[in-house]
Every structure is written in C-alpha cells, then in structure tokens.
Amino acid sequence: MSIKLSGNGRWESSRMMLPQHKEAINQQIKEIGLKGKPELHEDELQIVMENISISFKRKTEICVTIYGEYEFQDLIGVVTSINPYRQNFKIELVDGFEFIDFAEVIKADLREES
C-alpha cells in the first residue's frame, strides 16, 4: 500500500489551501485578540463625566482612554467643546483634534498641573 493512503498521509501530502480557508484562519486569529468593552458602574461613569466637564471649564489636560476592539487608546489633550445632543465631545490634541463619543470612553483622568 502507498504511504499516501496510510495513516495521516492523505492529508499530509496535500498542501493546497483555498483562499476561503486562509481567510477563515486569519479571521479566527483576529477574533482571539478581540477585547470586550468593559461596562462602567454608575459611579465610574459619573467620575468620567465630571472630569470631562472640569477639563472643559478649566482648560486643563485630561487623559482619556477609549475602547478599541483590539487595544485601548489613550489620548491626552484639553476638552474644547461638549455636545450633549450628539453625545460626544471634542478634545484638542498636540497634533490636531478628535471627536469622541461618550459611549467609547472607558476612563478619564485629569492630568497633574505642573
């Protein structure tokens, strides 16, 4: 009997992979690295909103942690506007500005003034 037909030889001798299989494997690898969005307690949410408001009123720097599927992102800047209707705020960074939805914020800490 041929070596190809005995044991696992049938699959070992076939090295062909369909594009769909390759795509499915890559998708599984990405999903393994996914991070779930943490749910904030009401007290934590209140602290986040207060720190955003303080940064806006006093023009002090704030470090905002934003949720991302694969990693969390920290942005440091000053809150320049708050839009309660759109549920977002604008933060001025060193190299521009960004609009951030309140739902994406995980943490917001005021920076120490030096």
PDB file of N, CA and C in Angstrom:
ATOM      1  N   MET A   1       0.839  -1.173   0.000  1.00  0.00           N
ATOM      2  CA  MET A   1       0.000   0.000   0.000  1.00  0.00           C
ATOM      3  C   MET A   1       0.890   1.245   0.000  1.00  0.00           C
ATOM      4  N   SER A   2       0.430   2.261  -0.642  1.00  0.00           N
ATOM      5  CA  SER A   2       1.190   3.509  -0.761  1.00  0.00           C
ATOM      6  C   SER A   2       1.224   4.244   0.572  1.00  0.00           C
ATOM      7  N   ILE A   3       2.295   5.035   0.783  1.00  0.00           N
ATOM      8  CA  ILE A   3       2.437   5.808   2.013  1.00  0.00           C
ATOM      9  C   ILE A   3       1.346   6.879   2.086  1.00  0.00           C
ATOM     10  N   LYS A   4       0.915   7.402   0.929  1.00  0.00           N
ATOM     11  CA  LYS A   4      -0.113   8.428   0.891  1.00  0.00           C
ATOM     12  C   LYS A   4      -1.412   7.966   1.523  1.00  0.00           C
ATOM     13  N   LEU A   5      -1.760   6.712   1.367  1.00  0.00           N
ATOM     14  CA  LEU A   5      -3.055   6.237   1.830  1.00  0.00           C
ATOM     15  C   LEU A   5      -3.034   5.710   3.259  1.00  0.00           C
ATOM     16  N   SER A   6      -1.885   5.588   3.879  1.00  0.00           N
ATOM     17  CA  SER A   6      -1.840   5.046   5.237  1.00  0.00           C
ATOM     18  C   SER A   6      -1.724   6.162   6.268  1.00  0.00           C
ATOM     19  N   GLY A   7      -2.377   5.994   7.411  1.00  0.00           N
ATOM     20  CA  GLY A   7      -2.312   6.970   8.498  1.00  0.00           C
ATOM     21  C   GLY A   7      -2.853   8.327   8.079  1.00  0.00           C
ATOM     22  N   ASN A   8      -2.100   9.354   8.350  1.00  0.00           N
ATOM     23  CA  ASN A   8      -2.489  10.719   8.021  1.00  0.00           C
ATOM     24  C   ASN A   8      -1.840  11.182   6.715  1.00  0.00           C
ATOM     25  N   GLY A   9      -1.286  10.273   5.974  1.00  0.00           N
ATOM     26  CA  GLY A   9      -0.561  10.595   4.753  1.00  0.00           C
ATOM     27  C   GLY A   9      -1.398  11.277   3.701  1.00  0.00           C
ATOM     28  N   ARG A  10      -2.671  10.931   3.675  1.00  0.00           N
ATOM     29  CA  ARG A  10      -3.546  11.532   2.679  1.00  0.00           C
ATOM     30  C   ARG A  10      -3.595  13.054   2.851  1.00  0.00           C
ATOM     31  N   TRP A  11      -3.673  13.533   4.079  1.00  0.00           N
ATOM     32  CA  TRP A  11      -3.753  14.967   4.320  1.00  0.00           C
ATOM     33  C   TRP A  11      -2.377  15.613   4.339  1.00  0.00           C
ATOM     34  N   GLU A  12      -1.382  14.900   4.782  1.00  0.00           N
ATOM     35  CA  GLU A  12      -0.020  15.437   4.830  1.00  0.00           C
ATOM     36  C   GLU A  12       0.534  15.684   3.438  1.00  0.00           C
ATOM     37  N   SER A  13       0.126  14.874   2.486  1.00  0.00           N
ATOM     38  CA  SER A  13       0.664  15.028   1.134  1.00  0.00           C
ATOM     39  C   SER A  13      -0.020  16.148   0.364  1.00  0.00           C
ATOM     40  N   SER A  14      -1.162  16.603   0.857  1.00  0.00           N
ATOM     41  CA  SER A  14      -1.901  17.667   0.189  1.00  0.00           C
ATOM     42  C   SER A  14      -1.621  18.985   0.889  1.00  0.00           C
ATOM     43  N   ARG A  15      -0.886  19.855   0.260  1.00  0.00           N
ATOM     44  CA  ARG A  15      -0.508  21.137   0.863  1.00  0.00           C
ATOM     45  C   ARG A  15      -1.296  22.306   0.286  1.00  0.00           C
ATOM     46  N   MET A  16      -2.354  22.042  -0.444  1.00  0.00           N
ATOM     47  CA  MET A  16      -3.137  23.099  -1.061  1.00  0.00           C
ATOM     48  C   MET A  16      -4.103  23.712  -0.036  1.00  0.00           C
ATOM     49  N   MET A  17      -4.223  25.045  -0.059  1.00  0.00           N
ATOM     50  CA  MET A  17      -5.145  25.728   0.841  1.00  0.00           C
ATOM     51  C   MET A  17      -5.974  26.709   0.014  1.00  0.00           C
ATOM     52  N   LEU A  18      -7.282  26.625   0.161  1.00  0.00           N
ATOM     53  CA  LEU A  18      -8.170  27.515  -0.571  1.00  0.00           C
ATOM     54  C   LEU A  18      -8.142  28.916   0.052  1.00  0.00           C
ATOM     55  N   PRO A  19      -8.379  29.944  -0.744  1.00  0.00           N
ATOM     56  CA  PRO A  19      -8.389  31.307  -0.206  1.00  0.00           C
ATOM     57  C   PRO A  19      -9.422  31.480   0.922  1.00  0.00           C
ATOM     58  N   GLN A  20     -10.555  30.786   0.808  1.00  0.00           N
ATOM     59  CA  GLN A  20     -11.587  30.880   1.851  1.00  0.00           C
ATOM     60  C   GLN A  20     -11.063  30.325   3.179  1.00  0.00           C
ATOM     61  N   HIS A  21     -10.286  29.240   3.108  1.00  0.00           N
ATOM     62  CA  HIS A  21      -9.722  28.651   4.325  1.00  0.00           C
ATOM     63  C   HIS A  21      -8.711  29.600   4.960  1.00  0.00           C
ATOM     64  N   LYS A  22      -7.888  30.197   4.118  1.00  0.00           N
ATOM     65  CA  LYS A  22      -6.872  31.129   4.614  1.00  0.00           C
ATOM     66  C   LYS A  22      -7.548  32.328   5.290  1.00  0.00           C
ATOM     67  N   GLU A  23      -8.611  32.851   4.669  1.00  0.00           N
ATOM     68  CA  GLU A  23      -9.349  33.980   5.212  1.00  0.00           C
ATOM     69  C   GLU A  23     -10.003  33.616   6.551  1.00  0.00           C
ATOM     70  N   ALA A  24     -10.564  32.409   6.644  1.00  0.00           N
ATOM     71  CA  ALA A  24     -11.199  31.963   7.888  1.00  0.00           C
ATOM     72  C   ALA A  24     -10.173  31.826   9.009  1.00  0.00           C
ATOM     73  N   ILE A  25      -8.993  31.327   8.685  1.00  0.00           N
ATOM     74  CA  ILE A  25      -7.933  31.190   9.690  1.00  0.00           C
ATOM     75  C   ILE A  25      -7.491  32.563  10.174  1.00  0.00           C
ATOM     76  N   ASN A  26      -7.306  33.504   9.265  1.00  0.00           N
ATOM     77  CA  ASN A  26      -6.914  34.866   9.649  1.00  0.00           C
ATOM     78  C   ASN A  26      -7.983  35.539  10.507  1.00  0.00           C
ATOM     79  N   GLN A  27      -9.258  35.302  10.181  1.00  0.00           N
ATOM     80  CA  GLN A  27     -10.364  35.873  10.956  1.00  0.00           C
ATOM     81  C   GLN A  27     -10.371  35.316  12.376  1.00  0.00           C
ATOM     82  N   GLN A  28     -10.117  34.010  12.517  1.00  0.00           N
ATOM     83  CA  GLN A  28     -10.067  33.394  13.851  1.00  0.00           C
ATOM     84  C   GLN A  28      -8.921  33.968  14.677  1.00  0.00           C
ATOM     85  N   ILE A  29      -7.789  34.177  14.051  1.00  0.00           N
ATOM     86  CA  ILE A  29      -6.632  34.745  14.759  1.00  0.00           C
ATOM     87  C   ILE A  29      -6.971  36.154  15.255  1.00  0.00           C
ATOM     88  N   LYS A  30      -7.658  36.957  14.439  1.00  0.00           N
ATOM     89  CA  LYS A  30      -8.052  38.298  14.844  1.00  0.00           C
ATOM     90  C   LYS A  30      -9.051  38.251  15.997  1.00  0.00           C
ATOM     91  N   GLU A  31     -10.023  37.337  15.924  1.00  0.00           N
ATOM     92  CA  GLU A  31     -11.055  37.252  16.959  1.00  0.00           C
ATOM     93  C   GLU A  31     -10.468  36.854  18.307  1.00  0.00           C
ATOM     94  N   ILE A  32      -9.412  36.095  18.296  1.00  0.00           N
ATOM     95  CA  ILE A  32      -8.775  35.700  19.551  1.00  0.00           C
ATOM     96  C   ILE A  32      -8.255  36.933  20.273  1.00  0.00           C
ATOM     97  N   GLY A  33      -7.768  37.913  19.522  1.00  0.00           N
ATOM     98  CA  GLY A  33      -7.219  39.121  20.113  1.00  0.00           C
ATOM     99  C   GLY A  33      -8.264  40.170  20.467  1.00  0.00           C
ATOM    100  N   LEU A  34      -9.555  39.917  20.205  1.00  0.00           N
ATOM    101  CA  LEU A  34     -10.597  40.895  20.498  1.00  0.00           C
ATOM    102  C   LEU A  34     -10.731  41.123  21.999  1.00  0.00           C
ATOM    103  N   LYS A  35     -10.965  42.373  22.366  1.00  0.00           N
ATOM    104  CA  LYS A  35     -11.209  42.715  23.758  1.00  0.00           C
ATOM    105  C   LYS A  35     -12.661  43.130  23.895  1.00  0.00           C
ATOM    106  N   GLY A  36     -13.290  42.652  24.935  1.00  0.00           N
ATOM    107  CA  GLY A  36     -14.662  43.057  25.205  1.00  0.00           C
ATOM    108  C   GLY A  36     -14.691  44.437  25.834  1.00  0.00           C
ATOM    109  N   LYS A  37     -15.760  45.169  25.582  1.00  0.00           N
ATOM    110  CA  LYS A  37     -15.871  46.504  26.145  1.00  0.00           C
ATOM    111  C   LYS A  37     -16.299  46.396  27.604  1.00  0.00           C
ATOM    112  N   PRO A  38     -15.507  46.968  28.509  1.00  0.00           N
ATOM    113  CA  PRO A  38     -15.888  46.921  29.915  1.00  0.00           C
ATOM    114  C   PRO A  38     -17.081  47.829  30.183  1.00  0.00           C
ATOM    115  N   GLU A  39     -17.968  47.363  31.054  1.00  0.00           N
ATOM    116  CA  GLU A  39     -19.131  48.163  31.422  1.00  0.00           C
ATOM    117  C   GLU A  39     -18.781  48.986  32.657  1.00  0.00           C
ATOM    118  N   LEU A  40     -19.027  50.278  32.588  1.00  0.00           N
ATOM    119  CA  LEU A  40     -18.716  51.164  33.702  1.00  0.00           C
ATOM    120  C   LEU A  40     -19.871  51.202  34.694  1.00  0.00           C
ATOM    121  N   HIS A  41     -19.532  51.192  35.971  1.00  0.00           N
ATOM    122  CA  HIS A  41     -20.513  51.349  37.038  1.00  0.00           C
ATOM    123  C   HIS A  41     -20.986  52.799  37.004  1.00  0.00           C
ATOM    124  N   GLU A  42     -22.152  53.070  37.552  1.00  0.00           N
ATOM    125  CA  GLU A  42     -22.695  54.431  37.527  1.00  0.00           C
ATOM    126  C   GLU A  42     -21.749  55.436  38.172  1.00  0.00           C
ATOM    127  N   ASP A  43     -21.091  55.031  39.267  1.00  0.00           N
ATOM    128  CA  ASP A  43     -20.153  55.941  39.942  1.00  0.00           C
ATOM    129  C   ASP A  43     -18.954  56.262  39.053  1.00  0.00           C
ATOM    130  N   GLU A  44     -18.423  55.251  38.381  1.00  0.00           N
ATOM    131  CA  GLU A  44     -17.285  55.471  37.481  1.00  0.00           C
ATOM    132  C   GLU A  44     -17.686  56.362  36.317  1.00  0.00           C
ATOM    133  N   LEU A  45     -18.897  56.134  35.792  1.00  0.00           N
ATOM    134  CA  LEU A  45     -19.396  56.952  34.687  1.00  0.00           C
ATOM    135  C   LEU A  45     -19.549  58.407  35.124  1.00  0.00           C
ATOM    136  N   GLN A  46     -20.014  58.612  36.347  1.00  0.00           N
ATOM    137  CA  GLN A  46     -20.162  59.967  36.887  1.00  0.00           C
ATOM    138  C   GLN A  46     -18.800  60.658  36.994  1.00  0.00           C
ATOM    139  N   ILE A  47     -17.779  59.927  37.459  1.00  0.00           N
ATOM    140  CA  ILE A  47     -16.431  60.492  37.579  1.00  0.00           C
ATOM    141  C   ILE A  47     -15.882  60.870  36.208  1.00  0.00           C
ATOM    142  N   VAL A  48     -16.103  60.014  35.219  1.00  0.00           N
ATOM    143  CA  VAL A  48     -15.647  60.294  33.845  1.00  0.00           C
ATOM    144  C   VAL A  48     -16.289  61.590  33.340  1.00  0.00           C
ATOM    145  N   MET A  49     -17.597  61.717  33.513  1.00  0.00           N
ATOM    146  CA  MET A  49     -18.309  62.908  33.035  1.00  0.00           C
ATOM    147  C   MET A  49     -17.844  64.171  33.775  1.00  0.00           C
ATOM    148  N   GLU A  50     -17.613  64.049  35.085  1.00  0.00           N
ATOM    149  CA  GLU A  50     -17.139  65.209  35.856  1.00  0.00           C
ATOM    150  C   GLU A  50     -15.752  65.645  35.387  1.00  0.00           C
ATOM    151  N   ASN A  51     -14.860  64.686  35.146  1.00  0.00           N
ATOM    152  CA  ASN A  51     -13.502  65.034  34.697  1.00  0.00           C
ATOM    153  C   ASN A  51     -13.519  65.676  33.315  1.00  0.00           C
ATOM    154  N   ILE A  52     -14.392  65.213  32.440  1.00  0.00           N
ATOM    155  CA  ILE A  52     -14.522  65.830  31.111  1.00  0.00           C
ATOM    156  C   ILE A  52     -15.022  67.268  31.270  1.00  0.00           C
ATOM    157  N   SER A  53     -16.004  67.446  32.135  1.00  0.00           N
ATOM    158  CA  SER A  53     -16.549  68.785  32.379  1.00  0.00           C
ATOM    159  C   SER A  53     -15.509  69.721  32.989  1.00  0.00           C
ATOM    160  N   ILE A  54     -14.725  69.226  33.946  1.00  0.00           N
ATOM    161  CA  ILE A  54     -13.678  70.046  34.574  1.00  0.00           C
ATOM    162  C   ILE A  54     -12.623  70.449  33.555  1.00  0.00           C
ATOM    163  N   SER A  55     -12.233  69.515  32.696  1.00  0.00           N
ATOM    164  CA  SER A  55     -11.247  69.831  31.657  1.00  0.00           C
ATOM    165  C   SER A  55     -11.780  70.914  30.725  1.00  0.00           C
ATOM    166  N   PHE A  56     -13.065  70.854  30.418  1.00  0.00           N
ATOM    167  CA  PHE A  56     -13.681  71.851  29.541  1.00  0.00           C
ATOM    168  C   PHE A  56     -13.727  73.225  30.206  1.00  0.00           C
ATOM    169  N   LYS A  57     -14.141  73.266  31.479  1.00  0.00           N
ATOM    170  CA  LYS A  57     -14.302  74.543  32.173  1.00  0.00           C
ATOM    171  C   LYS A  57     -12.965  75.195  32.519  1.00  0.00           C
ATOM    172  N   ARG A  58     -12.017  74.397  33.005  1.00  0.00           N
ATOM    173  CA  ARG A  58     -10.741  74.947  33.474  1.00  0.00           C
ATOM    174  C   ARG A  58      -9.638  74.913  32.424  1.00  0.00           C
ATOM    175  N   LYS A  59      -9.910  74.307  31.283  1.00  0.00           N
ATOM    176  CA  LYS A  59      -8.922  74.157  30.201  1.00  0.00           C
ATOM    177  C   LYS A  59      -7.679  73.420  30.682  1.00  0.00           C
ATOM    178  N   THR A  60      -7.882  72.361  31.481  1.00  0.00           N
ATOM    179  CA  THR A  60      -6.778  71.534  31.965  1.00  0.00           C
ATOM    180  C   THR A  60      -6.678  70.267  31.118  1.00  0.00           C
ATOM    181  N   GLU A  61      -5.480  69.691  31.095  1.00  0.00           N
ATOM    182  CA  GLU A  61      -5.264  68.467  30.320  1.00  0.00           C
ATOM    183  C   GLU A  61      -5.953  67.288  30.972  1.00  0.00           C
ATOM    184  N   ILE A  62      -6.395  66.384  30.107  1.00  0.00           N
ATOM    185  CA  ILE A  62      -7.067  65.180  30.547  1.00  0.00           C
ATOM    186  C   ILE A  62      -6.540  64.004  29.740  1.00  0.00           C
ATOM    187  N   CYS A  63      -6.461  62.847  30.368  1.00  0.00           N
ATOM    188  CA  CYS A  63      -6.070  61.613  29.674  1.00  0.00           C
ATOM    189  C   CYS A  63      -7.318  60.751  29.550  1.00  0.00           C
ATOM    190  N   VAL A  64      -7.773  60.556  28.314  1.00  0.00           N
ATOM    191  CA  VAL A  64      -8.991  59.799  28.045  1.00  0.00           C
ATOM    192  C   VAL A  64      -8.610  58.450  27.439  1.00  0.00           C
ATOM    193  N   THR A  65      -9.121  57.369  28.028  1.00  0.00           N
ATOM    194  CA  THR A  65      -8.904  56.026  27.484  1.00  0.00           C
ATOM    195  C   THR A  65     -10.146  55.635  26.692  1.00  0.00           C
ATOM    196  N   ILE A  66      -9.915  55.274  25.420  1.00  0.00           N
ATOM    197  CA  ILE A  66     -11.007  54.957  24.500  1.00  0.00           C
ATOM    198  C   ILE A  66     -10.998  53.467  24.190  1.00  0.00           C
ATOM    199  N   TYR A  67     -12.184  52.895  24.107  1.00  0.00           N
ATOM    200  CA  TYR A  67     -12.328  51.473  23.789  1.00  0.00           C
ATOM    201  C   TYR A  67     -12.007  51.207  22.326  1.00  0.00           C
ATOM    202  N   GLY A  68     -11.258  50.143  22.091  1.00  0.00           N
ATOM    203  CA  GLY A  68     -10.994  49.631  20.755  1.00  0.00           C
ATOM    204  C   GLY A  68     -11.105  48.116  20.802  1.00  0.00           C
ATOM    205  N   GLU A  69     -11.521  47.490  19.719  1.00  0.00           N
ATOM    206  CA  GLU A  69     -11.724  46.040  19.721  1.00  0.00           C
ATOM    207  C   GLU A  69     -10.447  45.278  20.025  1.00  0.00           C
ATOM    208  N   TYR A  70      -9.319  45.778  19.567  1.00  0.00           N
ATOM    209  CA  TYR A  70      -8.069  45.052  19.743  1.00  0.00           C
ATOM    210  C   TYR A  70      -7.167  45.658  20.809  1.00  0.00           C
ATOM    211  N   GLU A  71      -7.283  46.947  21.028  1.00  0.00           N
ATOM    212  CA  GLU A  71      -6.486  47.597  22.068  1.00  0.00           C
ATOM    213  C   GLU A  71      -7.161  48.894  22.469  1.00  0.00           C
ATOM    214  N   PHE A  72      -6.864  49.343  23.685  1.00  0.00           N
ATOM    215  CA  PHE A  72      -7.398  50.606  24.166  1.00  0.00           C
ATOM    216  C   PHE A  72      -6.421  51.715  23.782  1.00  0.00           C
ATOM    217  N   GLN A  73      -6.962  52.898  23.542  1.00  0.00           N
ATOM    218  CA  GLN A  73      -6.143  54.021  23.096  1.00  0.00           C
ATOM    219  C   GLN A  73      -6.233  55.148  24.117  1.00  0.00           C
ATOM    220  N   ASP A  74      -5.094  55.708  24.503  1.00  0.00           N
ATOM    221  CA  ASP A  74      -5.039  56.840  25.419  1.00  0.00           C
ATOM    222  C   ASP A  74      -4.802  58.117  24.625  1.00  0.00           C
ATOM    223  N   LEU A  75      -5.642  59.114  24.872  1.00  0.00           N
ATOM    224  CA  LEU A  75      -5.488  60.425  24.237  1.00  0.00           C
ATOM    225  C   LEU A  75      -5.299  61.466  25.332  1.00  0.00           C
ATOM    226  N   ILE A  76      -4.334  62.340  25.145  1.00  0.00           N
ATOM    227  CA  ILE A  76      -4.068  63.398  26.120  1.00  0.00           C
ATOM    228  C   ILE A  76      -4.284  64.737  25.434  1.00  0.00           C
ATOM    229  N   GLY A  77      -5.130  65.555  26.039  1.00  0.00           N
ATOM    230  CA  GLY A  77      -5.423  66.857  25.473  1.00  0.00           C
ATOM    231  C   GLY A  77      -6.366  67.645  26.362  1.00  0.00           C
ATOM    232  N   VAL A  78      -6.947  68.690  25.792  1.00  0.00           N
ATOM    233  CA  VAL A  78      -7.880  69.556  26.512  1.00  0.00           C
ATOM    234  C   VAL A  78      -9.233  69.484  25.814  1.00  0.00           C
ATOM    235  N   VAL A  79     -10.292  69.307  26.594  1.00  0.00           N
ATOM    236  CA  VAL A  79     -11.647  69.276  26.043  1.00  0.00           C
ATOM    237  C   VAL A  79     -12.033  70.697  25.655  1.00  0.00           C
ATOM    238  N   THR A  80     -12.385  70.894  24.375  1.00  0.00           N
ATOM    239  CA  THR A  80     -12.721  72.238  23.892  1.00  0.00           C
ATOM    240  C   THR A  80     -14.214  72.440  23.674  1.00  0.00           C
ATOM    241  N   SER A  81     -14.973  71.363  23.511  1.00  0.00           N
ATOM    242  CA  SER A  81     -16.422  71.511  23.392  1.00  0.00           C
ATOM    243  C   SER A  81     -17.112  70.200  23.777  1.00  0.00           C
ATOM    244  N   ILE A  82     -18.333  70.341  24.271  1.00  0.00           N
ATOM    245  CA  ILE A  82     -19.150  69.193  24.655  1.00  0.00           C
ATOM    246  C   ILE A  82     -20.492  69.341  23.952  1.00  0.00           C
ATOM    247  N   ASN A  83     -20.932  68.301  23.268  1.00  0.00           N
ATOM    248  CA  ASN A  83     -22.207  68.323  22.560  1.00  0.00           C
ATOM    249  C   ASN A  83     -23.127  67.260  23.155  1.00  0.00           C
ATOM    250  N   PRO A  84     -24.048  67.656  24.040  1.00  0.00           N
ATOM    251  CA  PRO A  84     -24.919  66.665  24.678  1.00  0.00           C
ATOM    252  C   PRO A  84     -25.922  66.021  23.714  1.00  0.00           C
ATOM    253  N   TYR A  85     -26.258  66.696  22.635  1.00  0.00           N
ATOM    254  CA  TYR A  85     -27.223  66.146  21.685  1.00  0.00           C
ATOM    255  C   TYR A  85     -26.622  65.024  20.852  1.00  0.00           C
ATOM    256  N   ARG A  86     -25.389  65.194  20.469  1.00  0.00           N
ATOM    257  CA  ARG A  86     -24.697  64.147  19.699  1.00  0.00           C
ATOM    258  C   ARG A  86     -23.982  63.148  20.601  1.00  0.00           C
ATOM    259  N   GLN A  87     -24.000  63.405  21.895  1.00  0.00           N
ATOM    260  CA  GLN A  87     -23.365  62.540  22.886  1.00  0.00           C
ATOM    261  C   GLN A  87     -21.873  62.377  22.613  1.00  0.00           C
ATOM    262  N   ASN A  88     -21.206  63.487  22.316  1.00  0.00           N
ATOM    263  CA  ASN A  88     -19.757  63.444  22.098  1.00  0.00           C
ATOM    264  C   ASN A  88     -19.094  64.724  22.589  1.00  0.00           C
ATOM    265  N   PHE A  89     -17.778  64.720  22.570  1.00  0.00           N
ATOM    266  CA  PHE A  89     -17.019  65.911  22.928  1.00  0.00           C
ATOM    267  C   PHE A  89     -15.791  65.997  22.033  1.00  0.00           C
ATOM    268  N   LYS A  90     -15.243  67.217  21.961  1.00  0.00           N
ATOM    269  CA  LYS A  90     -14.078  67.470  21.115  1.00  0.00           C
ATOM    270  C   LYS A  90     -12.875  67.675  22.021  1.00  0.00           C
ATOM    271  N   ILE A  91     -11.802  66.946  21.731  1.00  0.00           N
ATOM    272  CA  ILE A  91     -10.579  67.080  22.518  1.00  0.00           C
ATOM    273  C   ILE A  91      -9.472  67.588  21.597  1.00  0.00           C
ATOM    274  N   GLU A  92      -8.785  68.632  22.057  1.00  0.00           N
ATOM    275  CA  GLU A  92      -7.688  69.204  21.278  1.00  0.00           C
ATOM    276  C   GLU A  92      -6.389  68.515  21.689  1.00  0.00           C
ATOM    277  N   LEU A  93      -5.766  67.863  20.729  1.00  0.00           N
ATOM    278  CA  LEU A  93      -4.523  67.134  20.955  1.00  0.00           C
ATOM    279  C   LEU A  93      -3.346  67.988  20.488  1.00  0.00           C
ATOM    280  N   VAL A  94      -2.148  67.482  20.658  1.00  0.00           N
ATOM    281  CA  VAL A  94      -0.951  68.190  20.218  1.00  0.00           C
ATOM    282  C   VAL A  94      -0.961  68.356  18.703  1.00  0.00           C
ATOM    283  N   ASP A  95      -1.405  67.327  17.993  1.00  0.00           N
ATOM    284  CA  ASP A  95      -1.360  67.337  16.525  1.00  0.00           C
ATOM    285  C   ASP A  95      -2.743  67.417  15.888  1.00  0.00           C
ATOM    286  N   GLY A  96      -3.654  68.158  16.498  1.00  0.00           N
ATOM    287  CA  GLY A  96      -4.982  68.314  15.915  1.00  0.00           C
ATOM    288  C   GLY A  96      -6.060  68.139  16.968  1.00  0.00           C
ATOM    289  N   PHE A  97      -7.222  67.638  16.532  1.00  0.00           N
ATOM    290  CA  PHE A  97      -8.321  67.408  17.457  1.00  0.00           C
ATOM    291  C   PHE A  97      -9.074  66.155  17.038  1.00  0.00           C
ATOM    292  N   GLU A  98      -9.920  65.681  17.952  1.00  0.00           N
ATOM    293  CA  GLU A  98     -10.702  64.479  17.671  1.00  0.00           C
ATOM    294  C   GLU A  98     -12.035  64.571  18.409  1.00  0.00           C
ATOM    295  N   PHE A  99     -13.098  64.081  17.748  1.00  0.00           N
ATOM    296  CA  PHE A  99     -14.397  63.974  18.385  1.00  0.00           C
ATOM    297  C   PHE A  99     -14.521  62.569  18.965  1.00  0.00           C
ATOM    298  N   ILE A 100     -14.963  62.491  20.222  1.00  0.00           N
ATOM    299  CA  ILE A 100     -15.065  61.204  20.908  1.00  0.00           C
ATOM    300  C   ILE A 100     -16.477  61.044  21.439  1.00  0.00           C
ATOM    301  N   ASP A 101     -17.100  59.903  21.166  1.00  0.00           N
ATOM    302  CA  ASP A 101     -18.418  59.603  21.711  1.00  0.00           C
ATOM    303  C   ASP A 101     -18.286  59.230  23.181  1.00  0.00           C
ATOM    304  N   PHE A 102     -19.251  59.664  23.991  1.00  0.00           N
ATOM    305  CA  PHE A 102     -19.226  59.331  25.412  1.00  0.00           C
ATOM    306  C   PHE A 102     -19.245  57.813  25.617  1.00  0.00           C
ATOM    307  N   ALA A 103     -19.925  57.081  24.745  1.00  0.00           N
ATOM    308  CA  ALA A 103     -20.051  55.627  24.888  1.00  0.00           C
ATOM    309  C   ALA A 103     -18.717  54.911  24.705  1.00  0.00           C
ATOM    310  N   GLU A 104     -17.756  55.536  24.021  1.00  0.00           N
ATOM    311  CA  GLU A 104     -16.451  54.908  23.776  1.00  0.00           C
ATOM    312  C   GLU A 104     -15.470  55.103  24.927  1.00  0.00           C
ATOM    313  N   VAL A 105     -15.762  56.043  25.828  1.00  0.00           N
ATOM    314  CA  VAL A 105     -14.825  56.389  26.901  1.00  0.00           C
ATOM    315  C   VAL A 105     -14.887  55.338  28.012  1.00  0.00           C
ATOM    316  N   ILE A 106     -13.727  54.839  28.371  1.00  0.00           N
ATOM    317  CA  ILE A 106     -13.617  53.866  29.455  1.00  0.00           C
ATOM    318  C   ILE A 106     -13.139  54.546  30.726  1.00  0.00           C
ATOM    319  N   LYS A 107     -12.245  55.529  30.565  1.00  0.00           N
ATOM    320  CA  LYS A 107     -11.625  56.170  31.703  1.00  0.00           C
ATOM    321  C   LYS A 107     -11.215  57.588  31.313  1.00  0.00           C
ATOM    322  N   ALA A 108     -11.300  58.519  32.258  1.00  0.00           N
ATOM    323  CA  ALA A 108     -10.876  59.892  32.021  1.00  0.00           C
ATOM    324  C   ALA A 108     -10.257  60.430  33.303  1.00  0.00           C
ATOM    325  N   ASP A 109      -8.963  60.698  33.254  1.00  0.00           N
ATOM    326  CA  ASP A 109      -8.223  61.196  34.420  1.00  0.00           C
ATOM    327  C   ASP A 109      -7.662  62.580  34.113  1.00  0.00           C
ATOM    328  N   LEU A 110      -7.843  63.501  35.054  1.00  0.00           N
ATOM    329  CA  LEU A 110      -7.244  64.830  34.914  1.00  0.00           C
ATOM    330  C   LEU A 110      -5.752  64.722  35.125  1.00  0.00           C
ATOM    331  N   ARG A 111      -4.998  65.470  34.346  1.00  0.00           N
ATOM    332  CA  ARG A 111      -3.535  65.467  34.451  1.00  0.00           C
ATOM    333  C   ARG A 111      -3.118  66.440  35.555  1.00  0.00           C
ATOM    334  N   GLU A 112      -2.031  66.116  36.216  1.00  0.00           N
ATOM    335  CA  GLU A 112      -1.477  66.978  37.268  1.00  0.00           C
ATOM    336  C   GLU A 112      -0.947  68.256  36.643  1.00  0.00           C
ATOM    337  N   GLU A 113      -1.274  69.380  37.237  1.00  0.00           N
ATOM    338  CA  GLU A 113      -0.736  70.654  36.745  1.00  0.00           C
ATOM    339  C   GLU A 113       0.659  70.851  37.323  1.00  0.00           C
ATOM    340  N   SER A 114       1.607  71.237  36.453  1.00  0.00           N
ATOM    341  CA  SER A 114       2.965  71.444  36.947  1.00  0.00           C
ATOM    342  C   SER A 114       3.322  72.900  37.007  1.00  0.00           C
TER     343      SER A 114
END
